[in-house]
């Protein structure tokens, strides 16, 4: 398949990053227990 004329290294890196994220289905959220920060840790949590 033909590559676009402006196929730069940055374009290549962006394309690879996009394909990896799609393939690996990266999760940006984590499952929580719904309890929150215990009182003993409240001062450390800010």
PDB file of N, CA and C in Angstrom:
ATOM      1  N   UNK A   1       0.842  -1.169   0.000  1.00  0.00           N
ATOM      2  CA  UNK A   1       0.000   0.000   0.000  1.00  0.00           C
ATOM      3  C   UNK A   1       0.886   1.229   0.000  1.00  0.00           C
ATOM      4  N   UNK A   2       0.467   2.241  -0.688  1.00  0.00           N
ATOM      5  CA  UNK A   2       1.256   3.471  -0.796  1.00  0.00           C
ATOM      6  C   UNK A   2       1.200   4.272   0.495  1.00  0.00           C
ATOM      7  N   UNK A   3       2.335   4.865   0.845  1.00  0.00           N
ATOM      8  CA  UNK A   3       2.405   5.719   2.018  1.00  0.00           C
ATOM      9  C   UNK A   3       2.158   7.163   1.604  1.00  0.00           C
ATOM     10  N   UNK A   4       1.556   7.966   2.490  1.00  0.00           N
ATOM     11  CA  UNK A   4       1.387   9.389   2.166  1.00  0.00           C
ATOM     12  C   UNK A   4       2.744  10.064   1.996  1.00  0.00           C
ATOM     13  N   UNK A   5       2.777  11.130   1.241  1.00  0.00           N
ATOM     14  CA  UNK A   5       4.040  11.829   1.003  1.00  0.00           C
ATOM     15  C   UNK A   5       4.633  12.381   2.284  1.00  0.00           C
ATOM     16  N   UNK A   6       3.796  12.783   3.226  1.00  0.00           N
ATOM     17  CA  UNK A   6       4.270  13.368   4.475  1.00  0.00           C
ATOM     18  C   UNK A   6       4.294  12.339   5.605  1.00  0.00           C
ATOM     19  N   UNK A   7       4.714  11.130   5.301  1.00  0.00           N
ATOM     20  CA  UNK A   7       4.772  10.076   6.308  1.00  0.00           C
ATOM     21  C   UNK A   7       6.060  10.237   7.094  1.00  0.00           C
ATOM     22  N   UNK A   8       5.984  11.008   8.192  1.00  0.00           N
ATOM     23  CA  UNK A   8       7.160  11.306   8.997  1.00  0.00           C
ATOM     24  C   UNK A   8       7.352  10.247  10.080  1.00  0.00           C
ATOM     25  N   UNK A   9       8.473  10.319  10.750  1.00  0.00           N
ATOM     26  CA  UNK A   9       8.740   9.404  11.849  1.00  0.00           C
ATOM     27  C   UNK A   9       7.703   9.596  12.962  1.00  0.00           C
ATOM     28  N   UNK A  10       7.321  10.858  13.225  1.00  0.00           N
ATOM     29  CA  UNK A  10       6.310  11.144  14.250  1.00  0.00           C
ATOM     30  C   UNK A  10       4.973  10.524  13.863  1.00  0.00           C
ATOM     31  N   UNK A  11       4.599  10.599  12.603  1.00  0.00           N
ATOM     32  CA  UNK A  11       3.366   9.977  12.130  1.00  0.00           C
ATOM     33  C   UNK A  11       3.435   8.475  12.337  1.00  0.00           C
ATOM     34  N   UNK A  12       4.577   7.881  12.032  1.00  0.00           N
ATOM     35  CA  UNK A  12       4.776   6.446  12.222  1.00  0.00           C
ATOM     36  C   UNK A  12       4.622   6.071  13.696  1.00  0.00           C
ATOM     37  N   UNK A  13       5.252   6.839  14.591  1.00  0.00           N
ATOM     38  CA  UNK A  13       5.158   6.563  16.031  1.00  0.00           C
ATOM     39  C   UNK A  13       3.725   6.692  16.524  1.00  0.00           C
ATOM     40  N   UNK A  14       3.015   7.710  16.063  1.00  0.00           N
ATOM     41  CA  UNK A  14       1.621   7.894  16.451  1.00  0.00           C
ATOM     42  C   UNK A  14       0.774   6.723  15.983  1.00  0.00           C
ATOM     43  N   UNK A  15       1.018   6.262  14.786  1.00  0.00           N
ATOM     44  CA  UNK A  15       0.267   5.136  14.227  1.00  0.00           C
ATOM     45  C   UNK A  15       0.523   3.859  15.025  1.00  0.00           C
ATOM     46  N   UNK A  16       1.799   3.601  15.360  1.00  0.00           N
ATOM     47  CA  UNK A  16       2.156   2.421  16.150  1.00  0.00           C
ATOM     48  C   UNK A  16       1.503   2.502  17.529  1.00  0.00           C
ATOM     49  N   UNK A  17       1.584   3.677  18.168  1.00  0.00           N
ATOM     50  CA  UNK A  17       0.983   3.858  19.493  1.00  0.00           C
ATOM     51  C   UNK A  17      -0.522   3.589  19.446  1.00  0.00           C
ATOM     52  N   UNK A  18      -1.182   4.121  18.440  1.00  0.00           N
ATOM     53  CA  UNK A  18      -2.629   3.914  18.290  1.00  0.00           C
ATOM     54  C   UNK A  18      -2.954   2.433  18.119  1.00  0.00           C
ATOM     55  N   UNK A  19      -2.217   1.759  17.267  1.00  0.00           N
ATOM     56  CA  UNK A  19      -2.479   0.341  17.016  1.00  0.00           C
ATOM     57  C   UNK A  19      -2.231  -0.508  18.270  1.00  0.00           C
ATOM     58  N   UNK A  20      -1.173  -0.190  19.014  1.00  0.00           N
ATOM     59  CA  UNK A  20      -0.893  -0.936  20.246  1.00  0.00           C
ATOM     60  C   UNK A  20      -1.991  -0.719  21.281  1.00  0.00           C
ATOM     61  N   UNK A  21      -2.443   0.521  21.424  1.00  0.00           N
ATOM     62  CA  UNK A  21      -3.508   0.796  22.384  1.00  0.00           C
ATOM     63  C   UNK A  21      -4.786   0.067  21.993  1.00  0.00           C
ATOM     64  N   UNK A  22      -5.089   0.017  20.700  1.00  0.00           N
ATOM     65  CA  UNK A  22      -6.273  -0.711  20.247  1.00  0.00           C
ATOM     66  C   UNK A  22      -6.116  -2.206  20.498  1.00  0.00           C
ATOM     67  N   UNK A  23      -4.958  -2.735  20.184  1.00  0.00           N
ATOM     68  CA  UNK A  23      -4.711  -4.167  20.312  1.00  0.00           C
ATOM     69  C   UNK A  23      -4.696  -4.612  21.776  1.00  0.00           C
ATOM     70  N   UNK A  24      -4.068  -3.824  22.613  1.00  0.00           N
ATOM     71  CA  UNK A  24      -3.936  -4.198  24.019  1.00  0.00           C
ATOM     72  C   UNK A  24      -5.127  -3.756  24.861  1.00  0.00           C
ATOM     73  N   UNK A  25      -5.986  -2.934  24.272  1.00  0.00           N
ATOM     74  CA  UNK A  25      -7.163  -2.408  24.983  1.00  0.00           C
ATOM     75  C   UNK A  25      -6.771  -1.900  26.362  1.00  0.00           C
ATOM     76  N   UNK A  26      -5.855  -0.971  26.368  1.00  0.00           N
ATOM     77  CA  UNK A  26      -5.342  -0.409  27.619  1.00  0.00           C
ATOM     78  C   UNK A  26      -6.490   0.169  28.443  1.00  0.00           C
ATOM     79  N   UNK A  27      -6.476  -0.125  29.729  1.00  0.00           N
ATOM     80  CA  UNK A  27      -7.488   0.413  30.631  1.00  0.00           C
ATOM     81  C   UNK A  27      -6.881   1.563  31.425  1.00  0.00           C
ATOM     82  N   UNK A  28      -7.582   2.666  31.445  1.00  0.00           N
ATOM     83  CA  UNK A  28      -7.125   3.828  32.194  1.00  0.00           C
ATOM     84  C   UNK A  28      -7.847   3.935  33.532  1.00  0.00           C
ATOM     85  N   UNK A  29      -8.788   3.030  33.792  1.00  0.00           N
ATOM     86  CA  UNK A  29      -9.519   3.044  35.044  1.00  0.00           C
ATOM     87  C   UNK A  29      -9.203   1.769  35.810  1.00  0.00           C
ATOM     88  N   UNK A  30      -9.226   1.868  37.124  1.00  0.00           N
ATOM     89  CA  UNK A  30      -9.000   0.694  37.950  1.00  0.00           C
ATOM     90  C   UNK A  30     -10.243   0.455  38.797  1.00  0.00           C
ATOM     91  N   UNK A  31     -10.465  -0.775  39.150  1.00  0.00           N
ATOM     92  CA  UNK A  31     -11.611  -1.121  39.967  1.00  0.00           C
ATOM     93  C   UNK A  31     -11.324  -0.764  41.416  1.00  0.00           C
ATOM     94  N   UNK A  32     -12.265  -0.080  42.037  1.00  0.00           N
ATOM     95  CA  UNK A  32     -12.097   0.344  43.426  1.00  0.00           C
ATOM     96  C   UNK A  32     -13.064  -0.426  44.315  1.00  0.00           C
ATOM     97  N   UNK A  33     -12.781  -0.403  45.624  1.00  0.00           N
ATOM     98  CA  UNK A  33     -13.648  -1.112  46.566  1.00  0.00           C
ATOM     99  C   UNK A  33     -14.837  -0.277  47.022  1.00  0.00           C
ATOM    100  N   UNK A  34     -14.887   1.002  46.670  1.00  0.00           N
ATOM    101  CA  UNK A  34     -16.010   1.861  47.006  1.00  0.00           C
ATOM    102  C   UNK A  34     -15.995   2.393  48.423  1.00  0.00           C
ATOM    103  N   UNK A  35     -14.962   2.092  49.197  1.00  0.00           N
ATOM    104  CA  UNK A  35     -14.891   2.509  50.593  1.00  0.00           C
ATOM    105  C   UNK A  35     -14.253   3.890  50.728  1.00  0.00           C
ATOM    106  N   UNK A  36     -13.287   4.179  49.908  1.00  0.00           N
ATOM    107  CA  UNK A  36     -12.582   5.453  50.002  1.00  0.00           C
ATOM    108  C   UNK A  36     -11.328   5.329  50.838  1.00  0.00           C
ATOM    109  N   UNK A  37     -10.757   6.470  51.193  1.00  0.00           N
ATOM    110  CA  UNK A  37      -9.523   6.503  51.968  1.00  0.00           C
ATOM    111  C   UNK A  37      -9.872   6.368  53.451  1.00  0.00           C
ATOM    112  N   UNK A  38      -9.288   5.400  54.164  1.00  0.00           N
ATOM    113  CA  UNK A  38      -9.544   5.263  55.603  1.00  0.00           C
ATOM    114  C   UNK A  38      -9.104   6.519  56.349  1.00  0.00           C
ATOM    115  N   UNK A  39      -9.734   6.830  57.470  1.00  0.00           N
ATOM    116  CA  UNK A  39      -9.413   8.018  58.253  1.00  0.00           C
ATOM    117  C   UNK A  39      -7.942   8.065  58.647  1.00  0.00           C
ATOM    118  N   UNK A  40      -7.339   6.915  58.910  1.00  0.00           N
ATOM    119  CA  UNK A  40      -5.933   6.872  59.327  1.00  0.00           C
ATOM    120  C   UNK A  40      -5.013   7.409  58.222  1.00  0.00           C
ATOM    121  N   UNK A  41      -5.449   7.341  56.963  1.00  0.00           N
ATOM    122  CA  UNK A  41      -4.629   7.800  55.847  1.00  0.00           C
ATOM    123  C   UNK A  41      -5.066   9.160  55.322  1.00  0.00           C
ATOM    124  N   UNK A  42      -6.075   9.745  55.895  1.00  0.00           N
ATOM    125  CA  UNK A  42      -6.645  11.000  55.379  1.00  0.00           C
ATOM    126  C   UNK A  42      -5.602  12.107  55.305  1.00  0.00           C
ATOM    127  N   UNK A  43      -4.752  12.250  56.315  1.00  0.00           N
ATOM    128  CA  UNK A  43      -3.761  13.326  56.295  1.00  0.00           C
ATOM    129  C   UNK A  43      -2.700  13.102  55.218  1.00  0.00           C
ATOM    130  N   UNK A  44      -2.358  11.855  54.948  1.00  0.00           N
ATOM    131  CA  UNK A  44      -1.352  11.549  53.918  1.00  0.00           C
ATOM    132  C   UNK A  44      -1.942  11.710  52.525  1.00  0.00           C
ATOM    133  N   UNK A  45      -3.259  11.544  52.382  1.00  0.00           N
ATOM    134  CA  UNK A  45      -3.892  11.640  51.067  1.00  0.00           C
ATOM    135  C   UNK A  45      -4.070  13.090  50.641  1.00  0.00           C
ATOM    136  N   UNK A  46      -3.916  14.018  51.551  1.00  0.00           N
ATOM    137  CA  UNK A  46      -3.976  15.422  51.198  1.00  0.00           C
ATOM    138  C   UNK A  46      -5.321  15.977  51.310  1.00  0.00           C
TER     139      UNK A  46
END
